[in-house]
Amino acid sequence: MTGDQGSNETEQEKSVHPLQFSWTFWYDMPRGIKPSQENWSNNVKAFAEIDSVEKFWAVINNIVEPSRLPPGSNLHVFKQGIRPEWEDAMNEAGGKWVVTLPKKELARIDEFWLNSLIAILGEHFEAKASDDICGFVVSVRRDKGRLALWNKSALREDLRRSIGKRWREVLCERGLPRDLELEYMVHKDAMAYDRSYVGKALDRL
């Protein structure tokens, strides 16, 4: 290796901006069958891993935006080693903040998705809250869309509310209507019903 080659490699290393955590992108698409936990687990697939700002933008610039996905699709971004499932050991005691976008707001789902991701991956949350976050999901349906921010500790009110309040600020900065509530759903309730968005909300913002 020549001196010039060594210098170039050093400059390339300096140009990489590492993320605090490594993340995995997952996708599941509709298959025309009634969903169950078993067939859903078989359908969800990891397709990219990132650990730097540069890799994040490389993925974002080469995937289909949520608004262009088929109805029934879900796009997930979770910390490396955590599957986007209630039963995962890092998720089972947790829950998720959810915002449901009505049809009239669906045109902005891409903007809300991207800016939420930038905040989550870019350490725009308090340190303890950032540690407690597990992942982020966008769900596309025919007449609405959902964004869900998952965390480890459903019953830690301080962490739960810190995450929810900061996320609401991020969304409102991008134009989320103030009258749209964020609801907090506990994963154990979802497991009991075998459905993601049923049961009584534990919290609202």
N, C-alpha and C. Protein backbone atom coordinates (compact mmCIF):
# COMPACT_ATOMS: atom_id res chain seq x y z
N MET A 1 0.85 -1.20 0.00
CA MET A 1 0.00 0.00 0.00
C MET A 1 0.88 1.24 0.00
N THR A 2 0.61 2.17 -0.89
CA THR A 2 1.41 3.39 -0.96
C THR A 2 0.93 4.38 0.07
N GLY A 3 1.76 5.41 0.29
CA GLY A 3 1.37 6.46 1.22
C GLY A 3 0.10 7.16 0.80
N ASP A 4 -0.08 7.37 -0.51
CA ASP A 4 -1.28 8.04 -1.01
C ASP A 4 -2.52 7.21 -0.75
N GLN A 5 -2.41 5.87 -0.95
CA GLN A 5 -3.55 4.98 -0.70
C GLN A 5 -3.95 5.03 0.77
N GLY A 6 -2.95 5.00 1.65
CA GLY A 6 -3.24 5.06 3.08
C GLY A 6 -3.92 6.35 3.45
N SER A 7 -3.48 7.45 2.85
CA SER A 7 -4.08 8.76 3.12
C SER A 7 -5.52 8.80 2.66
N ASN A 8 -5.81 8.21 1.47
CA ASN A 8 -7.17 8.20 0.94
C ASN A 8 -8.10 7.41 1.84
N GLU A 9 -7.63 6.25 2.34
CA GLU A 9 -8.46 5.44 3.22
C GLU A 9 -8.75 6.18 4.51
N THR A 10 -7.77 6.88 5.04
CA THR A 10 -7.97 7.65 6.27
C THR A 10 -9.01 8.74 6.06
N GLU A 11 -8.94 9.42 4.91
CA GLU A 11 -9.90 10.48 4.61
C GLU A 11 -11.31 9.91 4.48
N GLN A 12 -11.43 8.72 3.87
CA GLN A 12 -12.74 8.08 3.73
C GLN A 12 -13.32 7.73 5.09
N GLU A 13 -12.47 7.21 5.99
CA GLU A 13 -12.93 6.88 7.33
C GLU A 13 -13.42 8.12 8.06
N LYS A 14 -12.71 9.23 7.88
CA LYS A 14 -13.10 10.47 8.55
C LYS A 14 -14.43 10.99 8.04
N SER A 15 -14.77 10.67 6.79
CA SER A 15 -15.99 11.19 6.19
C SER A 15 -17.23 10.40 6.60
N VAL A 16 -17.06 9.29 7.31
CA VAL A 16 -18.18 8.48 7.78
C VAL A 16 -18.65 9.01 9.13
N HIS A 17 -19.98 9.19 9.24
CA HIS A 17 -20.56 9.72 10.48
C HIS A 17 -21.38 8.61 11.14
N PRO A 18 -20.84 7.94 12.16
CA PRO A 18 -21.53 6.80 12.76
C PRO A 18 -22.78 7.21 13.53
N LEU A 19 -23.79 6.35 13.49
CA LEU A 19 -24.99 6.52 14.30
C LEU A 19 -24.74 5.98 15.70
N GLN A 20 -25.53 6.43 16.66
CA GLN A 20 -25.38 5.94 18.03
C GLN A 20 -25.68 4.44 18.10
N PHE A 21 -26.67 3.99 17.34
CA PHE A 21 -27.05 2.57 17.29
C PHE A 21 -27.04 2.11 15.83
N SER A 22 -26.89 0.80 15.65
CA SER A 22 -27.07 0.20 14.33
C SER A 22 -28.54 -0.18 14.17
N TRP A 23 -29.06 -0.10 12.94
CA TRP A 23 -30.48 -0.30 12.68
C TRP A 23 -30.68 -1.25 11.51
N THR A 24 -31.83 -1.94 11.53
CA THR A 24 -32.20 -2.84 10.44
C THR A 24 -33.54 -2.40 9.86
N PHE A 25 -33.62 -2.36 8.54
CA PHE A 25 -34.87 -2.08 7.83
C PHE A 25 -35.56 -3.41 7.52
N TRP A 26 -36.87 -3.45 7.77
CA TRP A 26 -37.68 -4.63 7.50
C TRP A 26 -38.90 -4.22 6.67
N TYR A 27 -39.47 -5.19 5.96
CA TYR A 27 -40.67 -4.92 5.16
C TYR A 27 -41.55 -6.15 5.16
N ASP A 28 -42.86 -5.93 5.29
CA ASP A 28 -43.80 -7.01 5.03
C ASP A 28 -44.91 -6.47 4.15
N MET A 29 -45.33 -7.30 3.21
CA MET A 29 -46.32 -6.87 2.23
C MET A 29 -47.53 -7.78 2.30
N PRO A 30 -48.68 -7.29 1.84
CA PRO A 30 -49.90 -8.10 1.89
C PRO A 30 -49.79 -9.35 1.03
N ARG A 31 -50.39 -10.43 1.51
CA ARG A 31 -50.31 -11.70 0.76
C ARG A 31 -51.68 -12.27 0.45
N GLY A 32 -52.74 -11.52 0.74
CA GLY A 32 -54.07 -11.97 0.39
C GLY A 32 -54.61 -13.07 1.28
N ILE A 33 -54.02 -13.26 2.47
CA ILE A 33 -54.51 -14.25 3.41
C ILE A 33 -54.75 -13.58 4.75
N LYS A 34 -55.62 -14.15 5.54
CA LYS A 34 -55.91 -13.59 6.85
C LYS A 34 -54.64 -13.64 7.70
N PRO A 35 -54.22 -12.50 8.26
CA PRO A 35 -52.96 -12.49 8.99
C PRO A 35 -53.03 -13.27 10.30
N SER A 36 -51.97 -13.94 10.63
CA SER A 36 -51.78 -14.55 11.94
C SER A 36 -50.34 -14.26 12.33
N GLN A 37 -50.02 -14.44 13.62
CA GLN A 37 -48.65 -14.14 14.03
C GLN A 37 -47.64 -15.02 13.31
N GLU A 38 -48.01 -16.28 13.06
CA GLU A 38 -47.07 -17.20 12.42
C GLU A 38 -46.79 -16.79 10.98
N ASN A 39 -47.87 -16.56 10.18
CA ASN A 39 -47.59 -16.23 8.78
C ASN A 39 -47.03 -14.82 8.64
N TRP A 40 -47.35 -13.93 9.60
CA TRP A 40 -46.75 -12.60 9.56
C TRP A 40 -45.24 -12.69 9.81
N SER A 41 -44.85 -13.49 10.81
CA SER A 41 -43.42 -13.63 11.12
C SER A 41 -42.64 -14.19 9.94
N ASN A 42 -43.28 -15.08 9.18
CA ASN A 42 -42.62 -15.65 8.01
C ASN A 42 -42.55 -14.65 6.85
N ASN A 43 -43.44 -13.68 6.86
CA ASN A 43 -43.54 -12.73 5.76
C ASN A 43 -42.64 -11.52 5.92
N VAL A 44 -42.35 -11.11 7.16
CA VAL A 44 -41.54 -9.92 7.38
C VAL A 44 -40.07 -10.23 7.08
N LYS A 45 -39.44 -9.39 6.28
CA LYS A 45 -38.08 -9.65 5.82
C LYS A 45 -37.18 -8.44 6.07
N ALA A 46 -35.98 -8.71 6.58
CA ALA A 46 -34.97 -7.66 6.70
C ALA A 46 -34.33 -7.44 5.33
N PHE A 47 -34.09 -6.18 4.98
CA PHE A 47 -33.49 -5.93 3.66
C PHE A 47 -32.31 -4.96 3.68
N ALA A 48 -32.03 -4.33 4.82
CA ALA A 48 -30.88 -3.42 4.87
C ALA A 48 -30.46 -3.21 6.32
N GLU A 49 -29.16 -3.01 6.53
CA GLU A 49 -28.62 -2.67 7.84
C GLU A 49 -27.77 -1.41 7.70
N ILE A 50 -27.89 -0.53 8.69
CA ILE A 50 -27.14 0.73 8.62
C ILE A 50 -26.50 1.01 9.97
N ASP A 51 -25.35 1.70 9.93
CA ASP A 51 -24.69 2.12 11.16
C ASP A 51 -24.05 3.50 11.01
N SER A 52 -24.41 4.20 9.92
CA SER A 52 -23.85 5.53 9.69
C SER A 52 -24.87 6.40 8.97
N VAL A 53 -24.66 7.71 9.04
CA VAL A 53 -25.52 8.65 8.33
C VAL A 53 -25.48 8.38 6.83
N GLU A 54 -24.30 8.08 6.32
CA GLU A 54 -24.14 7.85 4.89
C GLU A 54 -24.93 6.62 4.43
N LYS A 55 -24.90 5.54 5.22
CA LYS A 55 -25.66 4.34 4.86
C LYS A 55 -27.16 4.60 4.97
N PHE A 56 -27.56 5.40 5.95
CA PHE A 56 -28.98 5.75 6.09
C PHE A 56 -29.49 6.40 4.80
N TRP A 57 -28.79 7.41 4.31
CA TRP A 57 -29.25 8.10 3.11
C TRP A 57 -29.14 7.22 1.87
N ALA A 58 -28.17 6.33 1.86
CA ALA A 58 -28.06 5.39 0.73
C ALA A 58 -29.30 4.51 0.64
N VAL A 59 -29.81 4.07 1.79
CA VAL A 59 -31.03 3.25 1.81
C VAL A 59 -32.24 4.11 1.47
N ILE A 60 -32.40 5.23 2.16
CA ILE A 60 -33.57 6.09 1.97
C ILE A 60 -33.71 6.52 0.50
N ASN A 61 -32.61 6.81 -0.14
CA ASN A 61 -32.65 7.28 -1.53
C ASN A 61 -32.90 6.17 -2.54
N ASN A 62 -32.97 4.92 -2.06
CA ASN A 62 -33.14 3.80 -2.99
C ASN A 62 -34.31 2.89 -2.63
N ILE A 63 -35.18 3.33 -1.74
CA ILE A 63 -36.37 2.53 -1.42
C ILE A 63 -37.62 3.30 -1.84
N VAL A 64 -38.70 2.56 -1.97
CA VAL A 64 -39.98 3.16 -2.33
C VAL A 64 -40.53 3.92 -1.13
N GLU A 65 -41.04 5.12 -1.37
CA GLU A 65 -41.62 5.90 -0.28
C GLU A 65 -42.89 5.23 0.22
N PRO A 66 -43.23 5.42 1.50
CA PRO A 66 -44.42 4.77 2.06
C PRO A 66 -45.70 5.02 1.25
N SER A 67 -45.88 6.23 0.74
CA SER A 67 -47.10 6.57 0.00
C SER A 67 -47.26 5.75 -1.28
N ARG A 68 -46.19 5.15 -1.75
CA ARG A 68 -46.24 4.37 -3.00
C ARG A 68 -46.28 2.86 -2.75
N LEU A 69 -46.32 2.46 -1.49
CA LEU A 69 -46.39 1.04 -1.16
C LEU A 69 -47.82 0.54 -1.32
N PRO A 70 -48.01 -0.76 -1.60
CA PRO A 70 -49.36 -1.31 -1.71
C PRO A 70 -50.09 -1.24 -0.37
N PRO A 71 -51.40 -1.00 -0.39
CA PRO A 71 -52.17 -1.03 0.87
C PRO A 71 -51.96 -2.36 1.59
N GLY A 72 -51.79 -2.28 2.89
CA GLY A 72 -51.51 -3.47 3.69
C GLY A 72 -50.05 -3.65 4.02
N SER A 73 -49.20 -2.80 3.43
CA SER A 73 -47.75 -2.90 3.65
C SER A 73 -47.33 -2.25 4.96
N ASN A 74 -46.23 -2.74 5.51
CA ASN A 74 -45.61 -2.15 6.70
C ASN A 74 -44.11 -2.07 6.48
N LEU A 75 -43.55 -0.92 6.79
CA LEU A 75 -42.11 -0.69 6.70
C LEU A 75 -41.60 -0.41 8.10
N HIS A 76 -40.59 -1.16 8.54
CA HIS A 76 -40.11 -1.10 9.92
C HIS A 76 -38.62 -0.74 9.94
N VAL A 77 -38.23 0.04 10.92
CA VAL A 77 -36.80 0.30 11.17
C VAL A 77 -36.57 0.07 12.66
N PHE A 78 -35.80 -0.99 13.00
CA PHE A 78 -35.58 -1.37 14.39
C PHE A 78 -34.09 -1.46 14.70
N LYS A 79 -33.77 -1.22 15.95
CA LYS A 79 -32.39 -1.38 16.38
C LYS A 79 -31.91 -2.79 16.05
N GLN A 80 -30.67 -2.89 15.67
CA GLN A 80 -30.09 -4.17 15.29
C GLN A 80 -30.26 -5.18 16.43
N GLY A 81 -30.72 -6.38 16.08
CA GLY A 81 -30.93 -7.42 17.07
C GLY A 81 -32.34 -7.49 17.62
N ILE A 82 -33.19 -6.52 17.26
CA ILE A 82 -34.59 -6.51 17.71
C ILE A 82 -35.48 -6.75 16.49
N ARG A 83 -36.30 -7.80 16.55
CA ARG A 83 -37.26 -8.04 15.48
C ARG A 83 -38.50 -7.18 15.71
N PRO A 84 -39.19 -6.78 14.66
CA PRO A 84 -40.39 -5.95 14.81
C PRO A 84 -41.61 -6.79 15.20
N GLU A 85 -41.50 -7.46 16.34
CA GLU A 85 -42.55 -8.35 16.84
C GLU A 85 -42.78 -8.10 18.32
N TRP A 86 -44.03 -8.23 18.75
CA TRP A 86 -44.35 -8.05 20.18
C TRP A 86 -43.56 -9.01 21.05
N GLU A 87 -43.35 -10.25 20.55
CA GLU A 87 -42.76 -11.30 21.37
C GLU A 87 -41.26 -11.17 21.54
N ASP A 88 -40.61 -10.33 20.78
CA ASP A 88 -39.18 -10.15 20.96
C ASP A 88 -38.89 -9.73 22.40
N ALA A 89 -37.82 -10.27 22.97
CA ALA A 89 -37.50 -10.01 24.38
C ALA A 89 -37.37 -8.52 24.69
N MET A 90 -36.95 -7.73 23.72
CA MET A 90 -36.78 -6.29 23.95
C MET A 90 -38.09 -5.53 23.81
N ASN A 91 -39.11 -6.19 23.26
CA ASN A 91 -40.40 -5.52 23.04
C ASN A 91 -41.50 -5.95 24.00
N GLU A 92 -41.39 -7.15 24.56
CA GLU A 92 -42.53 -7.76 25.23
C GLU A 92 -43.06 -6.97 26.42
N ALA A 93 -42.22 -6.18 27.09
CA ALA A 93 -42.69 -5.37 28.21
C ALA A 93 -42.97 -3.93 27.79
N GLY A 94 -42.98 -3.70 26.49
CA GLY A 94 -43.11 -2.34 25.98
C GLY A 94 -44.44 -2.06 25.33
N GLY A 95 -44.42 -1.04 24.50
CA GLY A 95 -45.61 -0.62 23.78
C GLY A 95 -45.22 0.33 22.68
N LYS A 96 -46.21 1.08 22.20
CA LYS A 96 -45.94 1.99 21.08
C LYS A 96 -46.83 3.22 21.12
N TRP A 97 -46.24 4.34 20.78
CA TRP A 97 -47.01 5.55 20.50
C TRP A 97 -47.48 5.47 19.05
N VAL A 98 -48.76 5.76 18.84
CA VAL A 98 -49.35 5.62 17.51
C VAL A 98 -50.06 6.91 17.11
N VAL A 99 -49.84 7.34 15.89
CA VAL A 99 -50.66 8.40 15.31
C VAL A 99 -51.28 7.86 14.03
N THR A 100 -52.60 8.02 13.92
CA THR A 100 -53.33 7.57 12.74
C THR A 100 -53.63 8.77 11.85
N LEU A 101 -53.21 8.69 10.61
CA LEU A 101 -53.41 9.78 9.66
C LEU A 101 -54.65 9.50 8.83
N PRO A 102 -55.66 10.36 8.89
CA PRO A 102 -56.84 10.17 8.04
C PRO A 102 -56.48 10.39 6.58
N LYS A 103 -57.42 10.04 5.72
CA LYS A 103 -57.16 10.09 4.28
C LYS A 103 -56.67 11.46 3.82
N LYS A 104 -57.22 12.53 4.39
CA LYS A 104 -56.85 13.88 3.95
C LYS A 104 -55.40 14.24 4.31
N GLU A 105 -54.79 13.50 5.25
CA GLU A 105 -53.40 13.76 5.65
C GLU A 105 -52.40 12.78 5.03
N LEU A 106 -52.90 11.82 4.24
CA LEU A 106 -52.02 10.77 3.72
C LEU A 106 -50.94 11.31 2.78
N ALA A 107 -51.22 12.44 2.14
CA ALA A 107 -50.23 13.00 1.22
C ALA A 107 -48.95 13.40 1.93
N ARG A 108 -49.00 13.52 3.27
CA ARG A 108 -47.83 13.96 4.02
C ARG A 108 -47.15 12.82 4.77
N ILE A 109 -47.59 11.60 4.53
CA ILE A 109 -47.05 10.48 5.30
C ILE A 109 -45.55 10.30 5.06
N ASP A 110 -45.09 10.56 3.85
CA ASP A 110 -43.65 10.42 3.55
C ASP A 110 -42.83 11.41 4.36
N GLU A 111 -43.33 12.64 4.45
CA GLU A 111 -42.62 13.69 5.20
C GLU A 111 -42.58 13.35 6.68
N PHE A 112 -43.72 12.91 7.23
CA PHE A 112 -43.76 12.55 8.65
C PHE A 112 -42.84 11.36 8.94
N TRP A 113 -42.85 10.38 8.05
CA TRP A 113 -42.00 9.19 8.18
C TRP A 113 -40.53 9.56 8.19
N LEU A 114 -40.10 10.32 7.19
CA LEU A 114 -38.68 10.65 7.07
C LEU A 114 -38.20 11.51 8.22
N ASN A 115 -38.95 12.54 8.58
CA ASN A 115 -38.49 13.42 9.64
C ASN A 115 -38.53 12.75 11.01
N SER A 116 -39.44 11.81 11.19
CA SER A 116 -39.43 11.01 12.43
C SER A 116 -38.18 10.15 12.48
N LEU A 117 -37.84 9.51 11.36
CA LEU A 117 -36.63 8.68 11.32
C LEU A 117 -35.38 9.50 11.61
N ILE A 118 -35.29 10.67 11.02
CA ILE A 118 -34.12 11.52 11.25
C ILE A 118 -34.00 11.86 12.74
N ALA A 119 -35.12 12.15 13.38
CA ALA A 119 -35.10 12.47 14.81
C ALA A 119 -34.72 11.26 15.65
N ILE A 120 -35.26 10.09 15.31
CA ILE A 120 -35.02 8.88 16.09
C ILE A 120 -33.57 8.41 15.95
N LEU A 121 -33.09 8.35 14.73
CA LEU A 121 -31.73 7.86 14.49
C LEU A 121 -30.68 8.93 14.77
N GLY A 122 -31.09 10.18 14.72
CA GLY A 122 -30.15 11.28 14.88
C GLY A 122 -30.03 11.81 16.29
N GLU A 123 -30.51 11.05 17.28
CA GLU A 123 -30.34 11.40 18.69
C GLU A 123 -31.01 12.72 19.06
N HIS A 124 -32.24 12.93 18.55
CA HIS A 124 -32.99 14.14 18.90
C HIS A 124 -33.87 13.93 20.13
N PHE A 125 -33.72 12.80 20.79
CA PHE A 125 -34.45 12.49 22.02
C PHE A 125 -33.47 12.53 23.19
N GLU A 126 -34.00 12.69 24.41
CA GLU A 126 -33.15 12.61 25.59
C GLU A 126 -32.45 11.25 25.61
N ALA A 127 -31.28 11.18 26.24
CA ALA A 127 -30.45 9.98 26.19
C ALA A 127 -31.19 8.73 26.68
N LYS A 128 -31.86 8.82 27.84
CA LYS A 128 -32.56 7.65 28.38
C LYS A 128 -33.72 7.25 27.48
N ALA A 129 -34.40 8.24 26.92
CA ALA A 129 -35.50 7.96 26.01
C ALA A 129 -34.98 7.29 24.74
N SER A 130 -33.88 7.79 24.23
CA SER A 130 -33.27 7.21 23.03
C SER A 130 -32.88 5.76 23.27
N ASP A 131 -32.34 5.46 24.44
CA ASP A 131 -31.98 4.08 24.79
C ASP A 131 -33.21 3.18 24.84
N ASP A 132 -34.36 3.75 25.24
CA ASP A 132 -35.58 2.97 25.42
C ASP A 132 -36.32 2.71 24.11
N ILE A 133 -36.03 3.47 23.10
CA ILE A 133 -36.69 3.29 21.80
C ILE A 133 -36.21 1.99 21.15
N CYS A 134 -37.17 1.22 20.62
CA CYS A 134 -36.85 -0.04 19.93
C CYS A 134 -36.90 0.10 18.41
N GLY A 135 -37.92 0.80 17.92
CA GLY A 135 -38.06 0.90 16.48
C GLY A 135 -39.22 1.77 16.07
N PHE A 136 -39.40 1.88 14.76
CA PHE A 136 -40.39 2.78 14.18
C PHE A 136 -41.04 2.08 12.99
N VAL A 137 -42.36 2.26 12.86
CA VAL A 137 -43.13 1.55 11.83
C VAL A 137 -44.04 2.52 11.10
N VAL A 138 -44.13 2.37 9.79
CA VAL A 138 -45.17 3.05 9.02
C VAL A 138 -46.04 1.97 8.38
N SER A 139 -47.35 2.12 8.52
CA SER A 139 -48.31 1.15 7.99
C SER A 139 -49.23 1.86 7.00
N VAL A 140 -49.37 1.28 5.83
CA VAL A 140 -50.16 1.89 4.76
C VAL A 140 -51.45 1.10 4.57
N ARG A 141 -52.58 1.79 4.66
CA ARG A 141 -53.88 1.18 4.44
C ARG A 141 -54.63 1.98 3.37
N ARG A 142 -55.75 1.45 2.89
CA ARG A 142 -56.43 2.10 1.77
C ARG A 142 -56.94 3.50 2.13
N ASP A 143 -57.46 3.66 3.33
CA ASP A 143 -58.09 4.92 3.69
C ASP A 143 -57.39 5.67 4.82
N LYS A 144 -56.22 5.19 5.23
CA LYS A 144 -55.50 5.84 6.33
C LYS A 144 -54.07 5.32 6.37
N GLY A 145 -53.27 5.97 7.18
CA GLY A 145 -51.91 5.51 7.43
C GLY A 145 -51.62 5.60 8.91
N ARG A 146 -50.67 4.80 9.37
CA ARG A 146 -50.29 4.84 10.78
C ARG A 146 -48.79 4.93 10.91
N LEU A 147 -48.37 5.70 11.90
CA LEU A 147 -46.97 5.75 12.31
C LEU A 147 -46.92 5.28 13.75
N ALA A 148 -45.97 4.42 14.08
CA ALA A 148 -45.88 3.87 15.43
C ALA A 148 -44.43 3.85 15.90
N LEU A 149 -44.20 4.41 17.07
CA LEU A 149 -42.87 4.47 17.67
C LEU A 149 -42.85 3.52 18.87
N TRP A 150 -42.08 2.44 18.76
CA TRP A 150 -42.04 1.39 19.77
C TRP A 150 -40.96 1.67 20.81
N ASN A 151 -41.27 1.32 22.06
CA ASN A 151 -40.26 1.43 23.12
C ASN A 151 -40.32 0.22 24.05
N LYS A 152 -39.30 0.06 24.89
CA LYS A 152 -39.14 -1.13 25.73
C LYS A 152 -40.04 -1.14 26.95
N SER A 153 -40.32 0.05 27.51
CA SER A 153 -40.84 0.14 28.88
C SER A 153 -42.21 0.81 28.91
N ALA A 154 -43.26 0.00 28.74
CA ALA A 154 -44.61 0.55 28.71
C ALA A 154 -44.99 1.24 30.02
N LEU A 155 -44.54 0.70 31.14
CA LEU A 155 -44.99 1.19 32.44
C LEU A 155 -44.06 2.22 33.06
N ARG A 156 -43.00 2.59 32.37
CA ARG A 156 -42.14 3.68 32.83
C ARG A 156 -42.71 5.00 32.29
N GLU A 157 -43.57 5.62 33.09
CA GLU A 157 -44.28 6.81 32.60
C GLU A 157 -43.33 7.92 32.18
N ASP A 158 -42.23 8.08 32.92
CA ASP A 158 -41.29 9.16 32.59
C ASP A 158 -40.70 8.96 31.19
N LEU A 159 -40.25 7.74 30.90
CA LEU A 159 -39.67 7.46 29.59
C LEU A 159 -40.74 7.49 28.50
N ARG A 160 -41.87 6.87 28.79
CA ARG A 160 -42.96 6.81 27.81
C ARG A 160 -43.38 8.21 27.37
N ARG A 161 -43.59 9.09 28.34
CA ARG A 161 -44.06 10.44 28.03
C ARG A 161 -42.96 11.30 27.41
N SER A 162 -41.73 11.09 27.83
CA SER A 162 -40.62 11.82 27.22
C SER A 162 -40.53 11.51 25.73
N ILE A 163 -40.66 10.23 25.39
CA ILE A 163 -40.62 9.81 23.99
C ILE A 163 -41.81 10.39 23.23
N GLY A 164 -43.00 10.24 23.79
CA GLY A 164 -44.21 10.70 23.11
C GLY A 164 -44.22 12.20 22.88
N LYS A 165 -43.84 12.96 23.91
CA LYS A 165 -43.85 14.42 23.78
C LYS A 165 -42.86 14.91 22.73
N ARG A 166 -41.66 14.32 22.76
CA ARG A 166 -40.66 14.76 21.78
C ARG A 166 -41.08 14.38 20.37
N TRP A 167 -41.65 13.18 20.20
CA TRP A 167 -42.09 12.78 18.87
C TRP A 167 -43.22 13.68 18.38
N ARG A 168 -44.14 14.03 19.27
CA ARG A 168 -45.22 14.93 18.88
C ARG A 168 -44.66 16.28 18.41
N GLU A 169 -43.64 16.77 19.11
CA GLU A 169 -43.01 18.03 18.69
C GLU A 169 -42.45 17.91 17.27
N VAL A 170 -41.78 16.80 17.00
CA VAL A 170 -41.20 16.57 15.66
C VAL A 170 -42.30 16.58 14.60
N LEU A 171 -43.40 15.87 14.87
CA LEU A 171 -44.50 15.79 13.91
C LEU A 171 -45.17 17.14 13.71
N CYS A 172 -45.40 17.87 14.81
CA CYS A 172 -46.07 19.17 14.71
C CYS A 172 -45.20 20.19 13.98
N GLU A 173 -43.88 20.07 14.14
CA GLU A 173 -42.97 20.95 13.40
C GLU A 173 -43.12 20.75 11.89
N ARG A 174 -43.55 19.56 11.48
CA ARG A 174 -43.74 19.26 10.06
C ARG A 174 -45.18 19.42 9.63
N GLY A 175 -46.04 19.95 10.52
CA GLY A 175 -47.40 20.27 10.11
C GLY A 175 -48.47 19.30 10.55
N LEU A 176 -48.18 18.40 11.49
CA LEU A 176 -49.23 17.52 11.99
C LEU A 176 -50.32 18.36 12.64
N PRO A 177 -51.59 18.17 12.27
CA PRO A 177 -52.68 18.92 12.90
C PRO A 177 -52.69 18.71 14.42
N ARG A 178 -52.87 19.79 15.15
CA ARG A 178 -52.82 19.73 16.61
C ARG A 178 -53.93 18.87 17.19
N ASP A 179 -55.01 18.69 16.44
CA ASP A 179 -56.13 17.91 16.98
C ASP A 179 -55.95 16.41 16.80
N LEU A 180 -54.88 15.98 16.13
CA LEU A 180 -54.62 14.54 16.01
C LEU A 180 -53.87 14.04 17.23
N GLU A 181 -54.47 13.09 17.93
CA GLU A 181 -53.87 12.56 19.16
C GLU A 181 -52.83 11.49 18.87
N LEU A 182 -51.86 11.40 19.76
CA LEU A 182 -50.99 10.23 19.84
C LEU A 182 -51.56 9.34 20.93
N GLU A 183 -51.73 8.06 20.64
CA GLU A 183 -52.21 7.09 21.62
C GLU A 183 -51.11 6.10 21.94
N TYR A 184 -51.05 5.68 23.20
CA TYR A 184 -50.05 4.68 23.59
C TYR A 184 -50.73 3.34 23.81
N MET A 185 -50.29 2.33 23.05
CA MET A 185 -50.84 0.99 23.13
C MET A 185 -49.78 0.04 23.70
N VAL A 186 -50.22 -0.83 24.61
CA VAL A 186 -49.32 -1.79 25.27
C VAL A 186 -49.26 -3.08 24.45
N HIS A 187 -48.06 -3.60 24.23
CA HIS A 187 -47.91 -4.80 23.41
C HIS A 187 -48.64 -6.01 24.00
N LYS A 188 -48.68 -6.12 25.32
CA LYS A 188 -49.35 -7.28 25.92
C LYS A 188 -50.84 -7.29 25.57
N ASP A 189 -51.46 -6.11 25.43
CA ASP A 189 -52.85 -6.06 24.99
C ASP A 189 -52.97 -6.54 23.55
N ALA A 190 -52.04 -6.12 22.71
CA ALA A 190 -52.05 -6.56 21.31
C ALA A 190 -51.89 -8.08 21.23
N MET A 191 -51.00 -8.63 22.07
CA MET A 191 -50.80 -10.08 22.07
C MET A 191 -52.06 -10.81 22.50
N ALA A 192 -52.78 -10.24 23.47
CA ALA A 192 -54.00 -10.88 23.97
C ALA A 192 -55.07 -10.97 22.88
N TYR A 193 -55.14 -9.93 22.05
CA TYR A 193 -56.15 -9.90 20.98
C TYR A 193 -55.60 -10.39 19.65
N ASP A 194 -54.27 -10.60 19.57
CA ASP A 194 -53.59 -10.96 18.33
C ASP A 194 -53.85 -9.94 17.23
N ARG A 195 -53.95 -8.67 17.65
CA ARG A 195 -54.12 -7.57 16.70
C ARG A 195 -53.36 -6.36 17.23
N SER A 196 -52.82 -5.57 16.32
CA SER A 196 -51.91 -4.49 16.72
C SER A 196 -52.60 -3.29 17.35
N TYR A 197 -53.79 -2.94 16.89
CA TYR A 197 -54.36 -1.65 17.29
C TYR A 197 -55.73 -1.82 17.94
N VAL A 198 -55.81 -2.72 18.90
CA VAL A 198 -57.04 -2.90 19.66
C VAL A 198 -56.70 -2.77 21.14
N GLY A 199 -57.76 -2.65 21.95
CA GLY A 199 -57.54 -2.47 23.38
C GLY A 199 -57.57 -1.00 23.74
N LYS A 200 -57.63 -0.74 25.01
CA LYS A 200 -57.71 0.62 25.52
C LYS A 200 -56.32 1.25 25.54
N ALA A 201 -56.24 2.50 25.09
CA ALA A 201 -54.96 3.22 25.12
C ALA A 201 -54.55 3.49 26.56
N LEU A 202 -53.29 3.23 26.88
CA LEU A 202 -52.77 3.50 28.22
C LEU A 202 -52.55 4.98 28.45
N ASP A 203 -52.28 5.71 27.38
CA ASP A 203 -51.91 7.13 27.51
C ASP A 203 -52.27 7.85 26.22
N ARG A 204 -52.40 9.17 26.33
CA ARG A 204 -52.68 10.00 25.15
C ARG A 204 -51.93 11.32 25.26
N LEU A 205 -51.54 11.86 24.13
CA LEU A 205 -50.91 13.18 24.08
C LEU A 205 -51.53 13.99 22.93
